[in-house]
Amino acid sequence: MTEERLTCQQLEEVYELYALGSLEAAERDEIEAHLTHGCTHCKQGVADAMALNAMVLSFVPEVVPPRELKHRVLAAIGYERPGWFWAGALAASLMLIVALWLGIQEREHYSELADARRDVINITADRDRLNQALLFLSDPETTPVSFGRGQQAPPRGYVFLHPQLGVMLIASNLPPAGEGKAYEMWVIPKGGAPRPAGLFQSDGTRALHVLGGPVDVATLGVVAVTLEPAAGSAAPTTTPIIAAQVARS
């Protein structure tokens, strides 16, 4: 009697767990069998899940994971030897991955990840922005810069820089802009004047904004965010809420 295999549609709900390395062996083997046979549906689903998890992790409190768990997570997401130049960001992401993992263990896996999926969809607004974020997070040319660490309760998060893709901002602890207001991002060249880089809003805790490339990373000094009128400003009119120093010494 032939063993019945799970379909792509049946596996859709466990892509995120696979990306975290927390699936039971039987389900993991099912997904890997699909990937081995070149299933484009599962391949795209797993790629999207990795991007989703990476963004969700930016909003989870940091913890220090056990060493053996860290190795397991590294292997699960395909980075057995994280030797590329933004390994620091990968290490921070690992701590966030474990924090999310531990939270999932205390609840129903599927409902927790469904909530996370909805949160990320709300942040990214559409699939194009999710795919855009995936490109940033998966490309070794991307350089991450953190901001807001070590302070009481400021906006904190990452700016991701890529010479072709542009600049991506992921921020947490960012209050709503308020009626008639919007957040405006600025790219400030070394020794130059701020250049408008787009308006965005926050849901009260988090925000994601992308300035499409190309961008001259070598000449970029600071990525900043100010609170401006809803229509935007030609130059900053308030003190920056976020000022991420991206210039290399």
Protein backbone atom coordinates (compact mmCIF):
# COMPACT_ATOMS: atom_id res chain seq x y z
CA MET A 1 0.00 0.00 0.00
CA THR A 2 1.45 3.39 -1.05
CA GLU A 3 2.05 5.83 1.79
CA GLU A 4 -0.08 8.96 1.39
CA ARG A 5 1.97 12.13 1.11
CA LEU A 6 0.95 15.57 2.35
CA THR A 7 0.05 18.16 -0.28
CA CYS A 8 1.57 21.66 -0.57
CA GLN A 9 -1.67 23.12 0.75
CA GLN A 10 -1.54 20.90 3.82
CA LEU A 11 2.04 22.00 4.51
CA GLU A 12 1.37 25.74 4.21
CA GLU A 13 0.55 26.13 7.92
CA VAL A 14 3.92 24.74 9.04
CA TYR A 15 6.32 26.66 6.79
CA GLU A 16 7.16 29.08 9.65
CA LEU A 17 7.84 26.22 12.05
CA TYR A 18 10.10 24.63 9.43
CA ALA A 19 11.97 27.93 9.04
CA LEU A 20 12.48 28.00 12.83
CA GLY A 21 13.65 24.37 12.91
CA SER A 22 10.91 23.34 15.35
CA LEU A 23 8.92 20.88 13.25
CA GLU A 24 8.46 17.24 14.21
CA ALA A 25 10.60 14.91 12.11
CA ALA A 26 7.70 13.54 10.02
CA GLU A 27 6.48 16.98 8.91
CA ARG A 28 10.03 18.20 8.35
CA ASP A 29 10.71 15.22 6.11
CA GLU A 30 7.53 15.95 4.13
CA ILE A 31 8.62 19.52 3.40
CA GLU A 32 12.18 18.47 2.56
CA ALA A 33 10.84 15.85 0.17
CA HIS A 34 8.86 18.55 -1.64
CA LEU A 35 11.92 20.82 -1.77
CA THR A 36 14.16 17.99 -2.99
CA HIS A 37 11.76 17.30 -5.87
CA GLY A 38 11.82 20.96 -6.92
CA CYS A 39 8.40 22.00 -5.63
CA THR A 40 8.25 25.73 -6.44
CA HIS A 41 5.20 26.25 -4.20
CA CYS A 42 6.98 24.95 -1.10
CA LYS A 43 10.24 26.65 -2.02
CA GLN A 44 8.52 30.04 -2.20
CA GLY A 45 6.52 29.32 0.95
CA VAL A 46 9.63 28.50 2.98
CA ALA A 47 11.44 31.59 1.62
CA ASP A 48 8.49 33.80 2.59
CA ALA A 49 8.39 32.17 6.04
CA MET A 50 12.06 32.98 6.64
CA ALA A 51 11.44 36.62 5.72
CA LEU A 52 8.34 36.74 7.92
CA ASN A 53 10.17 35.24 10.89
CA ALA A 54 13.11 37.60 10.45
CA MET A 55 10.84 40.65 10.63
CA VAL A 56 8.82 39.33 13.54
CA LEU A 57 12.07 38.68 15.39
CA SER A 58 12.96 42.37 15.20
CA PHE A 59 10.12 43.08 17.62
CA VAL A 60 10.83 40.35 20.21
CA PRO A 61 12.79 41.11 23.43
CA GLU A 62 16.38 39.89 23.38
CA VAL A 63 17.47 36.83 25.37
CA VAL A 64 20.67 34.83 25.65
CA PRO A 65 20.07 31.37 24.12
CA PRO A 66 21.75 28.13 25.23
CA ARG A 67 24.74 27.31 23.03
CA GLU A 68 23.34 23.99 21.77
CA LEU A 69 20.03 25.65 20.81
CA LYS A 70 21.90 28.37 18.96
CA HIS A 71 23.71 25.76 16.84
CA ARG A 72 20.45 23.99 16.06
CA VAL A 73 18.77 27.20 14.92
CA LEU A 74 21.77 28.11 12.78
CA ALA A 75 21.59 24.77 11.01
CA ALA A 76 17.83 25.04 10.62
CA ILE A 77 18.02 28.32 8.68
CA GLY A 78 20.98 27.21 6.58
CA TYR A 79 23.80 29.21 8.17
CA GLU A 80 26.06 26.53 9.56
CA ARG A 81 29.07 28.87 9.39
CA PRO A 82 27.95 32.50 9.62
CA GLY A 83 31.22 34.02 8.45
CA TRP A 84 29.96 36.87 6.27
CA PHE A 85 30.42 40.47 7.24
CA TRP A 86 27.04 41.05 8.85
CA ALA A 87 27.37 38.12 11.23
CA GLY A 88 26.72 40.52 14.10
CA ALA A 89 23.18 41.09 12.90
CA LEU A 90 22.73 37.37 12.38
CA ALA A 91 23.84 36.75 15.98
CA ALA A 92 21.31 39.29 17.23
CA SER A 93 18.64 37.64 15.09
CA LEU A 94 19.50 34.28 16.63
CA MET A 95 18.73 35.60 20.11
CA LEU A 96 15.45 36.94 18.82
CA ILE A 97 14.68 33.64 17.09
CA VAL A 98 15.12 31.78 20.35
CA ALA A 99 12.91 34.29 22.19
CA LEU A 100 10.16 33.70 19.64
CA TRP A 101 10.75 29.95 19.82
CA LEU A 102 10.36 29.88 23.60
CA GLY A 103 7.16 31.90 23.36
CA ILE A 104 5.74 29.50 20.81
CA GLN A 105 6.40 26.51 23.04
CA GLU A 106 4.04 27.98 25.68
CA ARG A 107 1.11 28.33 23.29
CA GLU A 108 -0.53 26.65 20.35
CA HIS A 109 2.03 26.74 17.54
CA TYR A 110 -0.39 27.39 14.74
CA SER A 111 -2.39 30.19 16.38
CA GLU A 112 0.79 31.98 17.52
CA LEU A 113 2.28 31.93 14.04
CA ALA A 114 -1.03 32.93 12.47
CA ASP A 115 -1.02 36.04 14.70
CA ALA A 116 2.57 36.77 13.69
CA ARG A 117 1.67 36.37 10.02
CA ARG A 118 -1.17 38.88 10.39
CA ASP A 119 1.10 41.35 12.18
CA VAL A 120 3.71 41.22 9.43
CA ILE A 121 1.09 41.50 6.69
CA ASN A 122 -0.24 44.62 8.43
CA ILE A 123 3.27 46.07 8.63
CA THR A 124 4.27 45.32 5.05
CA ALA A 125 0.88 46.31 3.57
CA ASP A 126 1.28 44.07 0.52
CA ARG A 127 3.17 41.10 -0.86
CA ASP A 128 5.51 43.30 -2.91
CA ARG A 129 6.90 44.89 0.24
CA LEU A 130 7.26 41.48 1.88
CA ASN A 131 9.24 40.23 -1.11
CA GLN A 132 11.29 43.42 -1.04
CA ALA A 133 12.14 42.82 2.61
CA LEU A 134 13.08 39.22 1.79
CA LEU A 135 15.57 40.49 -0.79
CA PHE A 136 17.24 42.72 1.80
CA LEU A 137 17.39 40.02 4.47
CA SER A 138 18.71 37.28 2.20
CA ASP A 139 21.38 39.19 0.24
CA PRO A 140 24.96 39.02 1.65
CA GLU A 141 25.63 42.53 0.27
CA THR A 142 23.14 43.96 2.77
CA THR A 143 24.71 45.87 5.66
CA PRO A 144 22.68 46.20 8.91
CA VAL A 145 23.04 49.09 11.34
CA SER A 146 21.27 48.98 14.72
CA PHE A 147 19.93 51.98 16.59
CA GLY A 148 18.37 52.73 19.99
CA ARG A 149 20.20 49.97 21.88
CA GLY A 150 21.18 50.47 25.51
CA GLN A 151 18.77 53.35 26.17
CA GLN A 152 15.64 53.45 28.34
CA ALA A 153 12.72 53.14 25.91
CA PRO A 154 13.56 54.81 22.61
CA PRO A 155 12.61 53.68 19.13
CA ARG A 156 14.99 50.88 18.31
CA GLY A 157 15.61 48.52 15.44
CA TYR A 158 17.73 48.23 12.29
CA VAL A 159 18.55 50.10 9.12
CA PHE A 160 19.50 47.76 6.27
CA LEU A 161 21.63 49.18 3.43
CA HIS A 162 22.12 47.70 -0.02
CA PRO A 163 23.78 49.48 -2.99
CA GLN A 164 21.13 48.29 -5.45
CA LEU A 165 18.06 47.66 -3.28
CA GLY A 166 18.25 50.88 -1.25
CA VAL A 167 17.51 51.43 2.44
CA MET A 168 15.09 49.50 4.68
CA LEU A 169 14.09 50.68 8.16
CA ILE A 170 12.51 48.39 10.78
CA ALA A 171 11.67 50.18 14.04
CA SER A 172 9.88 49.22 17.25
CA ASN A 173 8.75 51.35 20.24
CA LEU A 174 7.59 53.95 17.75
CA PRO A 175 4.38 55.75 18.87
CA PRO A 176 1.65 56.76 16.39
CA ALA A 177 2.48 59.94 14.49
CA GLY A 178 -0.82 61.56 15.45
CA GLU A 179 -3.51 63.32 13.45
CA GLY A 180 -2.14 65.38 10.57
CA LYS A 181 1.38 64.06 11.14
CA ALA A 182 3.62 61.44 9.55
CA TYR A 183 7.09 60.07 10.05
CA GLU A 184 9.57 61.07 7.36
CA MET A 185 12.84 59.25 6.72
CA TRP A 186 15.94 61.14 5.61
CA VAL A 187 19.20 59.96 4.07
CA ILE A 188 22.05 62.27 4.97
CA PRO A 189 25.30 62.03 2.99
CA LYS A 190 28.58 62.60 4.80
CA GLY A 191 28.92 66.37 5.10
CA GLY A 192 25.73 66.91 3.08
CA ALA A 193 22.16 68.08 3.59
CA PRO A 194 19.29 65.68 4.46
CA ARG A 195 17.39 64.25 1.49
CA PRO A 196 13.73 63.18 1.84
CA ALA A 197 13.36 59.39 1.74
CA GLY A 198 9.61 58.89 2.10
CA LEU A 199 6.73 59.10 4.58
CA PHE A 200 5.39 56.28 6.73
CA GLN A 201 3.18 55.58 9.76
CA SER A 202 3.52 53.42 12.86
CA ASP A 203 0.85 51.20 14.41
CA GLY A 204 1.94 52.39 17.84
CA THR A 205 4.69 49.86 18.42
CA ARG A 206 6.41 49.14 15.11
CA ALA A 207 6.99 50.34 11.57
CA LEU A 208 8.67 49.27 8.35
CA HIS A 209 9.73 51.61 5.55
CA VAL A 210 11.74 51.04 2.37
CA LEU A 211 13.49 53.56 0.15
CA GLY A 212 14.08 51.81 -3.17
CA GLY A 213 17.64 51.89 -4.52
CA PRO A 214 20.14 52.30 -5.85
CA VAL A 215 21.92 54.19 -3.08
CA ASP A 216 25.57 55.18 -2.68
CA VAL A 217 26.27 53.40 0.61
CA ALA A 218 29.89 54.59 0.69
CA THR A 219 28.89 58.27 0.91
CA LEU A 220 25.93 57.81 3.27
CA GLY A 221 26.48 59.15 6.78
CA VAL A 222 23.17 58.98 8.67
CA VAL A 223 19.65 57.64 8.20
CA ALA A 224 17.26 59.72 10.29
CA VAL A 225 13.52 59.93 11.04
CA THR A 226 11.59 63.03 12.09
CA LEU A 227 7.95 63.81 12.78
CA GLU A 228 6.55 66.04 10.02
CA PRO A 229 3.23 67.31 8.60
CA ALA A 230 1.28 64.54 6.84
CA ALA A 231 2.22 65.97 3.43
CA GLY A 232 5.93 65.80 4.27
CA SER A 233 8.65 68.45 4.37
CA ALA A 234 11.47 69.41 2.04
CA ALA A 235 13.85 69.53 5.02
CA PRO A 236 13.56 68.31 8.63
CA THR A 237 11.53 70.63 10.87
CA THR A 238 11.85 68.68 14.16
CA THR A 239 14.57 66.95 16.15
CA PRO A 240 15.25 63.44 14.78
CA ILE A 241 13.50 60.64 16.64
CA ILE A 242 15.86 58.13 15.01
CA ALA A 243 19.41 58.86 13.87
CA ALA A 244 21.28 55.75 12.75
CA GLN A 245 24.97 56.37 12.10
CA VAL A 246 25.83 54.33 9.02
CA ALA A 247 29.16 55.93 8.07
CA ARG A 248 32.10 53.55 8.41
CA SER A 249 35.18 54.75 10.22
